[in-house]
Amino acid sequence: MKKFKLLWQVLRYTGTDKIVSGFIVFYFIATFFIMISEPTITNYGDAMWFSFVSFTTVGYGEYLATTLITRIITAFLIIYGVIVVALIPGVLVSYFTEIKSMKENDTIIQFLNKLERLPELTKEELETISTNVKNKRYKL
């Protein structure tokens, strides 16, 4: 549950939550209209399965879109679904890359601040800096 909350916070922070929320609403509405318009799909569960298999582009072939309206709805569902499925990993990678970059920049800034005040540092602090530099703890 923690990971889901973190994912949702990242999506909210980046503004992607509106796209994902919109897709979820569209998914259920599209599923309802697919159930109504497709004669081979007799219940909502089968329509949800057809919608899921379509937007993930798995396409098992258990159900086919035979009517024009179902084909149109399915085409929009697939396009929207592919965009959302591709968008989420991109947003997450970008977000965590940015966080890592910010942490590295903070480390560099802290190191430079210590270098600016070298005369004020104690011998122990100077030795710590020296050891960290030798161990490449400070990334420049």
N, C-alpha and C. Protein backbone atom coordinates (compact mmCIF):
# COMPACT_ATOMS: atom_id res chain seq x y z
N MET A 1 0.82 -1.20 0.00
CA MET A 1 0.00 0.00 0.00
C MET A 1 0.86 1.26 0.00
N LYS A 2 2.04 1.19 0.68
CA LYS A 2 2.93 2.35 0.72
C LYS A 2 3.42 2.71 -0.67
N LYS A 3 3.73 1.68 -1.46
CA LYS A 3 4.25 1.92 -2.80
C LYS A 3 3.18 2.56 -3.68
N PHE A 4 1.93 2.13 -3.51
CA PHE A 4 0.84 2.74 -4.27
C PHE A 4 0.67 4.20 -3.89
N LYS A 5 0.78 4.50 -2.59
CA LYS A 5 0.66 5.90 -2.14
C LYS A 5 1.79 6.75 -2.70
N LEU A 6 3.01 6.19 -2.70
CA LEU A 6 4.15 6.91 -3.26
C LEU A 6 3.95 7.15 -4.76
N LEU A 7 3.48 6.13 -5.47
CA LEU A 7 3.21 6.28 -6.89
C LEU A 7 2.18 7.39 -7.12
N TRP A 8 1.11 7.38 -6.35
CA TRP A 8 0.06 8.39 -6.53
C TRP A 8 0.59 9.79 -6.20
N GLN A 9 1.45 9.91 -5.17
CA GLN A 9 2.03 11.21 -4.84
C GLN A 9 2.90 11.73 -5.98
N VAL A 10 3.67 10.85 -6.59
CA VAL A 10 4.52 11.25 -7.71
C VAL A 10 3.64 11.69 -8.88
N LEU A 11 2.60 10.92 -9.16
CA LEU A 11 1.70 11.28 -10.26
C LEU A 11 1.01 12.61 -9.99
N ARG A 12 0.62 12.85 -8.73
CA ARG A 12 -0.01 14.13 -8.38
C ARG A 12 0.97 15.28 -8.53
N TYR A 13 2.19 15.07 -8.07
CA TYR A 13 3.21 16.11 -8.13
C TYR A 13 3.52 16.51 -9.58
N THR A 14 3.51 15.53 -10.46
CA THR A 14 3.83 15.79 -11.86
C THR A 14 2.61 16.17 -12.70
N GLY A 15 1.43 16.08 -12.12
CA GLY A 15 0.22 16.43 -12.87
C GLY A 15 -0.34 15.28 -13.69
N THR A 16 0.29 14.14 -13.63
CA THR A 16 -0.14 12.98 -14.40
C THR A 16 -1.37 12.33 -13.79
N ASP A 17 -1.68 12.65 -12.54
CA ASP A 17 -2.84 12.05 -11.88
C ASP A 17 -4.13 12.36 -12.60
N LYS A 18 -4.23 13.54 -13.20
CA LYS A 18 -5.44 13.91 -13.93
C LYS A 18 -5.61 13.03 -15.16
N ILE A 19 -4.51 12.73 -15.83
CA ILE A 19 -4.57 11.87 -17.02
C ILE A 19 -4.96 10.46 -16.61
N VAL A 20 -4.36 9.94 -15.53
CA VAL A 20 -4.67 8.59 -15.07
C VAL A 20 -6.11 8.51 -14.56
N SER A 21 -6.54 9.49 -13.80
CA SER A 21 -7.92 9.52 -13.30
C SER A 21 -8.91 9.59 -14.46
N GLY A 22 -8.60 10.43 -15.42
CA GLY A 22 -9.45 10.54 -16.61
C GLY A 22 -9.53 9.23 -17.35
N PHE A 23 -8.41 8.52 -17.43
CA PHE A 23 -8.42 7.23 -18.12
C PHE A 23 -9.28 6.22 -17.36
N ILE A 24 -9.18 6.21 -16.04
CA ILE A 24 -9.97 5.25 -15.26
C ILE A 24 -11.46 5.50 -15.47
N VAL A 25 -11.86 6.76 -15.42
CA VAL A 25 -13.27 7.09 -15.67
C VAL A 25 -13.66 6.68 -17.09
N PHE A 26 -12.82 7.03 -18.06
CA PHE A 26 -13.10 6.67 -19.45
C PHE A 26 -13.19 5.16 -19.62
N TYR A 27 -12.33 4.43 -18.93
CA TYR A 27 -12.32 2.96 -19.01
C TYR A 27 -13.67 2.39 -18.60
N PHE A 28 -14.21 2.84 -17.47
CA PHE A 28 -15.49 2.30 -17.00
C PHE A 28 -16.66 2.74 -17.88
N ILE A 29 -16.63 3.96 -18.36
CA ILE A 29 -17.70 4.43 -19.26
C ILE A 29 -17.63 3.68 -20.59
N ALA A 30 -16.42 3.56 -21.14
CA ALA A 30 -16.25 2.84 -22.41
C ALA A 30 -16.68 1.39 -22.26
N THR A 31 -16.33 0.79 -21.12
CA THR A 31 -16.72 -0.61 -20.87
C THR A 31 -18.23 -0.76 -20.87
N PHE A 32 -18.92 0.19 -20.25
CA PHE A 32 -20.39 0.15 -20.23
C PHE A 32 -20.95 0.23 -21.65
N PHE A 33 -20.44 1.17 -22.45
CA PHE A 33 -20.96 1.30 -23.82
C PHE A 33 -20.57 0.12 -24.70
N ILE A 34 -19.45 -0.49 -24.44
CA ILE A 34 -19.07 -1.70 -25.17
C ILE A 34 -20.03 -2.83 -24.82
N MET A 35 -20.38 -2.96 -23.56
CA MET A 35 -21.32 -4.00 -23.14
C MET A 35 -22.68 -3.82 -23.82
N ILE A 36 -23.12 -2.56 -23.92
CA ILE A 36 -24.42 -2.28 -24.53
C ILE A 36 -24.39 -2.51 -26.05
N SER A 37 -23.30 -2.09 -26.70
CA SER A 37 -23.28 -2.09 -28.16
C SER A 37 -22.76 -3.38 -28.80
N GLU A 38 -22.10 -4.22 -28.04
CA GLU A 38 -21.51 -5.43 -28.63
C GLU A 38 -22.37 -6.65 -28.30
N PRO A 39 -22.95 -7.29 -29.33
CA PRO A 39 -23.84 -8.42 -29.06
C PRO A 39 -23.12 -9.67 -28.51
N THR A 40 -21.84 -9.81 -28.77
CA THR A 40 -21.12 -11.01 -28.29
C THR A 40 -20.71 -10.89 -26.82
N ILE A 41 -20.79 -9.70 -26.25
CA ILE A 41 -20.44 -9.49 -24.84
C ILE A 41 -21.75 -9.33 -24.07
N THR A 42 -21.97 -10.25 -23.12
CA THR A 42 -23.28 -10.31 -22.47
C THR A 42 -23.32 -9.73 -21.07
N ASN A 43 -22.15 -9.50 -20.44
CA ASN A 43 -22.18 -8.92 -19.09
C ASN A 43 -21.03 -7.93 -18.93
N TYR A 44 -21.10 -7.17 -17.82
CA TYR A 44 -20.12 -6.11 -17.59
C TYR A 44 -18.72 -6.67 -17.33
N GLY A 45 -18.64 -7.80 -16.68
CA GLY A 45 -17.34 -8.42 -16.40
C GLY A 45 -16.62 -8.78 -17.70
N ASP A 46 -17.35 -9.36 -18.66
CA ASP A 46 -16.75 -9.68 -19.95
C ASP A 46 -16.34 -8.41 -20.70
N ALA A 47 -17.15 -7.36 -20.56
CA ALA A 47 -16.82 -6.09 -21.21
C ALA A 47 -15.56 -5.48 -20.58
N MET A 48 -15.43 -5.61 -19.25
CA MET A 48 -14.22 -5.12 -18.58
C MET A 48 -13.00 -5.90 -19.06
N TRP A 49 -13.16 -7.21 -19.20
CA TRP A 49 -12.04 -8.03 -19.67
C TRP A 49 -11.65 -7.63 -21.09
N PHE A 50 -12.65 -7.46 -21.95
CA PHE A 50 -12.38 -7.05 -23.33
C PHE A 50 -11.66 -5.69 -23.35
N SER A 51 -12.13 -4.77 -22.53
CA SER A 51 -11.52 -3.44 -22.47
C SER A 51 -10.08 -3.52 -21.97
N PHE A 52 -9.86 -4.31 -20.92
CA PHE A 52 -8.52 -4.46 -20.36
C PHE A 52 -7.56 -5.08 -21.38
N VAL A 53 -7.99 -6.14 -22.00
CA VAL A 53 -7.16 -6.82 -22.99
C VAL A 53 -6.89 -5.89 -24.18
N SER A 54 -7.83 -5.04 -24.48
CA SER A 54 -7.64 -4.11 -25.60
C SER A 54 -6.65 -3.00 -25.25
N PHE A 55 -6.86 -2.32 -24.12
CA PHE A 55 -5.98 -1.17 -23.83
C PHE A 55 -4.57 -1.59 -23.47
N THR A 56 -4.39 -2.83 -22.99
CA THR A 56 -3.02 -3.30 -22.73
C THR A 56 -2.39 -3.88 -23.99
N THR A 57 -3.13 -3.90 -25.06
CA THR A 57 -2.74 -4.43 -26.38
C THR A 57 -2.34 -5.89 -26.33
N VAL A 58 -2.89 -6.63 -25.38
CA VAL A 58 -2.64 -8.08 -25.32
C VAL A 58 -3.44 -8.77 -26.41
N GLY A 59 -4.73 -8.49 -26.46
CA GLY A 59 -5.59 -9.00 -27.52
C GLY A 59 -5.67 -10.51 -27.62
N TYR A 60 -6.23 -11.18 -26.61
CA TYR A 60 -6.34 -12.63 -26.62
C TYR A 60 -7.25 -13.14 -27.73
N GLY A 61 -8.22 -12.36 -28.15
CA GLY A 61 -9.11 -12.79 -29.21
C GLY A 61 -10.35 -13.51 -28.74
N GLU A 62 -10.60 -13.50 -27.43
CA GLU A 62 -11.80 -14.16 -26.91
C GLU A 62 -13.06 -13.45 -27.38
N TYR A 63 -12.98 -12.14 -27.44
CA TYR A 63 -14.10 -11.32 -27.89
C TYR A 63 -13.62 -10.44 -29.03
N LEU A 64 -14.52 -10.18 -29.96
CA LEU A 64 -14.17 -9.33 -31.09
C LEU A 64 -15.12 -8.13 -31.12
N ALA A 65 -14.60 -7.01 -31.58
CA ALA A 65 -15.44 -5.83 -31.77
C ALA A 65 -16.07 -5.95 -33.14
N THR A 66 -17.37 -6.26 -33.17
CA THR A 66 -18.03 -6.50 -34.46
C THR A 66 -18.86 -5.31 -34.93
N THR A 67 -19.30 -4.46 -34.02
CA THR A 67 -20.10 -3.32 -34.43
C THR A 67 -19.22 -2.09 -34.59
N LEU A 68 -19.68 -1.16 -35.40
CA LEU A 68 -18.91 0.06 -35.67
C LEU A 68 -18.67 0.85 -34.39
N ILE A 69 -19.69 1.02 -33.56
CA ILE A 69 -19.54 1.83 -32.35
C ILE A 69 -18.54 1.18 -31.38
N THR A 70 -18.58 -0.15 -31.28
CA THR A 70 -17.62 -0.85 -30.42
C THR A 70 -16.21 -0.68 -30.94
N ARG A 71 -16.04 -0.74 -32.24
CA ARG A 71 -14.71 -0.57 -32.82
C ARG A 71 -14.17 0.85 -32.57
N ILE A 72 -15.03 1.83 -32.68
CA ILE A 72 -14.61 3.22 -32.44
C ILE A 72 -14.23 3.41 -30.97
N ILE A 73 -15.08 2.93 -30.06
CA ILE A 73 -14.80 3.05 -28.63
C ILE A 73 -13.50 2.31 -28.29
N THR A 74 -13.33 1.12 -28.85
CA THR A 74 -12.13 0.33 -28.59
C THR A 74 -10.89 1.04 -29.12
N ALA A 75 -10.98 1.66 -30.27
CA ALA A 75 -9.83 2.38 -30.83
C ALA A 75 -9.41 3.52 -29.89
N PHE A 76 -10.39 4.30 -29.40
CA PHE A 76 -10.06 5.37 -28.44
C PHE A 76 -9.50 4.80 -27.14
N LEU A 77 -10.07 3.70 -26.68
CA LEU A 77 -9.60 3.06 -25.45
C LEU A 77 -8.16 2.59 -25.62
N ILE A 78 -7.84 2.02 -26.76
CA ILE A 78 -6.46 1.55 -27.00
C ILE A 78 -5.49 2.72 -27.05
N ILE A 79 -5.84 3.76 -27.77
CA ILE A 79 -4.94 4.92 -27.89
C ILE A 79 -4.71 5.56 -26.52
N TYR A 80 -5.78 5.80 -25.80
CA TYR A 80 -5.68 6.40 -24.47
C TYR A 80 -4.90 5.48 -23.53
N GLY A 81 -5.19 4.19 -23.57
CA GLY A 81 -4.52 3.23 -22.70
C GLY A 81 -3.03 3.13 -22.97
N VAL A 82 -2.65 3.09 -24.22
CA VAL A 82 -1.22 3.01 -24.56
C VAL A 82 -0.49 4.26 -24.07
N ILE A 83 -1.11 5.40 -24.22
CA ILE A 83 -0.50 6.65 -23.74
C ILE A 83 -0.30 6.61 -22.23
N VAL A 84 -1.33 6.19 -21.50
CA VAL A 84 -1.24 6.15 -20.03
C VAL A 84 -0.22 5.11 -19.58
N VAL A 85 -0.27 3.92 -20.20
CA VAL A 85 0.66 2.86 -19.80
C VAL A 85 2.10 3.29 -20.07
N ALA A 86 2.35 4.00 -21.14
CA ALA A 86 3.70 4.46 -21.46
C ALA A 86 4.10 5.68 -20.63
N LEU A 87 3.14 6.49 -20.24
CA LEU A 87 3.41 7.73 -19.53
C LEU A 87 3.90 7.49 -18.10
N ILE A 88 3.29 6.55 -17.41
CA ILE A 88 3.60 6.33 -15.99
C ILE A 88 5.07 5.96 -15.76
N PRO A 89 5.62 4.97 -16.45
CA PRO A 89 7.05 4.68 -16.22
C PRO A 89 7.96 5.86 -16.57
N GLY A 90 7.63 6.58 -17.62
CA GLY A 90 8.44 7.74 -18.00
C GLY A 90 8.44 8.81 -16.92
N VAL A 91 7.28 9.06 -16.35
CA VAL A 91 7.17 10.06 -15.28
C VAL A 91 7.95 9.60 -14.06
N LEU A 92 7.82 8.34 -13.70
CA LEU A 92 8.52 7.83 -12.52
C LEU A 92 10.03 7.89 -12.69
N VAL A 93 10.53 7.46 -13.83
CA VAL A 93 11.97 7.49 -14.07
C VAL A 93 12.48 8.92 -14.04
N SER A 94 11.77 9.82 -14.67
CA SER A 94 12.17 11.21 -14.70
C SER A 94 12.16 11.80 -13.29
N TYR A 95 11.14 11.50 -12.53
CA TYR A 95 11.02 12.03 -11.18
C TYR A 95 12.17 11.56 -10.29
N PHE A 96 12.43 10.26 -10.29
CA PHE A 96 13.48 9.73 -9.43
C PHE A 96 14.87 10.12 -9.92
N THR A 97 15.05 10.30 -11.20
CA THR A 97 16.32 10.81 -11.72
C THR A 97 16.56 12.23 -11.23
N GLU A 98 15.51 13.02 -11.22
CA GLU A 98 15.61 14.40 -10.74
C GLU A 98 15.94 14.44 -9.25
N ILE A 99 15.31 13.56 -8.47
CA ILE A 99 15.60 13.50 -7.03
C ILE A 99 17.06 13.13 -6.81
N LYS A 100 17.55 12.14 -7.54
CA LYS A 100 18.95 11.73 -7.40
C LYS A 100 19.89 12.87 -7.76
N SER A 101 19.57 13.58 -8.83
CA SER A 101 20.39 14.71 -9.25
C SER A 101 20.40 15.81 -8.19
N MET A 102 19.25 16.08 -7.59
CA MET A 102 19.18 17.09 -6.55
C MET A 102 20.02 16.70 -5.33
N LYS A 103 19.98 15.42 -4.96
CA LYS A 103 20.77 14.95 -3.82
C LYS A 103 22.26 15.10 -4.11
N GLU A 104 22.66 14.76 -5.34
CA GLU A 104 24.07 14.90 -5.71
C GLU A 104 24.49 16.36 -5.68
N ASN A 105 23.63 17.24 -6.17
CA ASN A 105 23.93 18.67 -6.16
C ASN A 105 24.05 19.19 -4.73
N ASP A 106 23.18 18.70 -3.83
CA ASP A 106 23.27 19.11 -2.42
C ASP A 106 24.59 18.67 -1.82
N THR A 107 25.04 17.47 -2.15
CA THR A 107 26.32 16.98 -1.64
C THR A 107 27.46 17.84 -2.14
N ILE A 108 27.43 18.19 -3.39
CA ILE A 108 28.48 19.04 -3.97
C ILE A 108 28.47 20.42 -3.32
N ILE A 109 27.29 20.97 -3.11
CA ILE A 109 27.17 22.29 -2.48
C ILE A 109 27.70 22.26 -1.05
N GLN A 110 27.37 21.20 -0.31
CA GLN A 110 27.88 21.07 1.06
C GLN A 110 29.41 21.00 1.05
N PHE A 111 29.95 20.22 0.12
CA PHE A 111 31.41 20.09 0.02
C PHE A 111 32.05 21.44 -0.30
N LEU A 112 31.48 22.16 -1.26
CA LEU A 112 32.04 23.47 -1.63
C LEU A 112 31.93 24.47 -0.48
N ASN A 113 30.85 24.40 0.28
CA ASN A 113 30.71 25.27 1.45
C ASN A 113 31.80 25.00 2.48
N LYS A 114 32.12 23.72 2.67
CA LYS A 114 33.20 23.38 3.60
C LYS A 114 34.54 23.87 3.07
N LEU A 115 34.73 23.76 1.76
CA LEU A 115 35.99 24.24 1.18
C LEU A 115 36.16 25.74 1.34
N GLU A 116 35.06 26.48 1.27
CA GLU A 116 35.11 27.94 1.40
C GLU A 116 35.54 28.37 2.81
N ARG A 117 35.26 27.53 3.77
CA ARG A 117 35.60 27.91 5.14
C ARG A 117 36.66 26.98 5.74
N LEU A 118 37.62 26.60 4.92
CA LEU A 118 38.71 25.73 5.37
C LEU A 118 39.46 26.25 6.60
N PRO A 119 39.80 27.52 6.64
CA PRO A 119 40.54 28.00 7.82
C PRO A 119 39.77 27.84 9.12
N GLU A 120 38.43 27.82 9.05
CA GLU A 120 37.61 27.73 10.25
C GLU A 120 37.43 26.30 10.74
N LEU A 121 37.72 25.31 9.89
CA LEU A 121 37.47 23.92 10.25
C LEU A 121 38.51 23.38 11.21
N THR A 122 38.04 22.43 12.03
CA THR A 122 38.97 21.78 12.96
C THR A 122 39.78 20.74 12.20
N LYS A 123 40.80 20.24 12.85
CA LYS A 123 41.66 19.24 12.23
C LYS A 123 40.86 17.96 11.90
N GLU A 124 39.95 17.58 12.79
CA GLU A 124 39.13 16.38 12.56
C GLU A 124 38.22 16.56 11.33
N GLU A 125 37.63 17.75 11.20
CA GLU A 125 36.77 18.02 10.05
C GLU A 125 37.59 17.99 8.76
N LEU A 126 38.80 18.53 8.79
CA LEU A 126 39.68 18.49 7.62
C LEU A 126 40.05 17.06 7.25
N GLU A 127 40.32 16.25 8.26
CA GLU A 127 40.65 14.85 8.00
C GLU A 127 39.44 14.10 7.41
N THR A 128 38.25 14.40 7.90
CA THR A 128 37.03 13.78 7.36
C THR A 128 36.85 14.14 5.90
N ILE A 129 37.03 15.41 5.57
CA ILE A 129 36.92 15.85 4.18
C ILE A 129 37.96 15.14 3.33
N SER A 130 39.18 15.06 3.83
CA SER A 130 40.26 14.40 3.10
C SER A 130 39.93 12.93 2.85
N THR A 131 39.44 12.26 3.86
CA THR A 131 39.06 10.85 3.72
C THR A 131 37.93 10.68 2.72
N ASN A 132 36.92 11.54 2.79
CA ASN A 132 35.79 11.47 1.87
C ASN A 132 36.22 11.69 0.43
N VAL A 133 37.13 12.61 0.23
CA VAL A 133 37.63 12.88 -1.13
C VAL A 133 38.42 11.67 -1.63
N LYS A 134 39.25 11.10 -0.76
CA LYS A 134 40.03 9.92 -1.15
C LYS A 134 39.12 8.75 -1.50
N ASN A 135 38.05 8.63 -0.77
CA ASN A 135 37.09 7.53 -1.02
C ASN A 135 36.05 7.88 -2.09
N LYS A 136 36.20 9.05 -2.69
CA LYS A 136 35.30 9.53 -3.74
C LYS A 136 33.86 9.58 -3.26
N ARG A 137 33.68 9.92 -2.00
CA ARG A 137 32.33 10.07 -1.47
C ARG A 137 31.66 11.31 -2.01
N TYR A 138 32.45 12.36 -2.23
CA TYR A 138 31.92 13.57 -2.83
C TYR A 138 32.04 13.42 -4.33
N LYS A 139 30.91 13.47 -5.01
CA LYS A 139 30.94 13.33 -6.47
C LYS A 139 30.98 14.70 -7.10
N LEU A 140 31.98 14.95 -7.86
CA LEU A 140 32.09 16.24 -8.53
C LEU A 140 31.88 16.09 -10.00
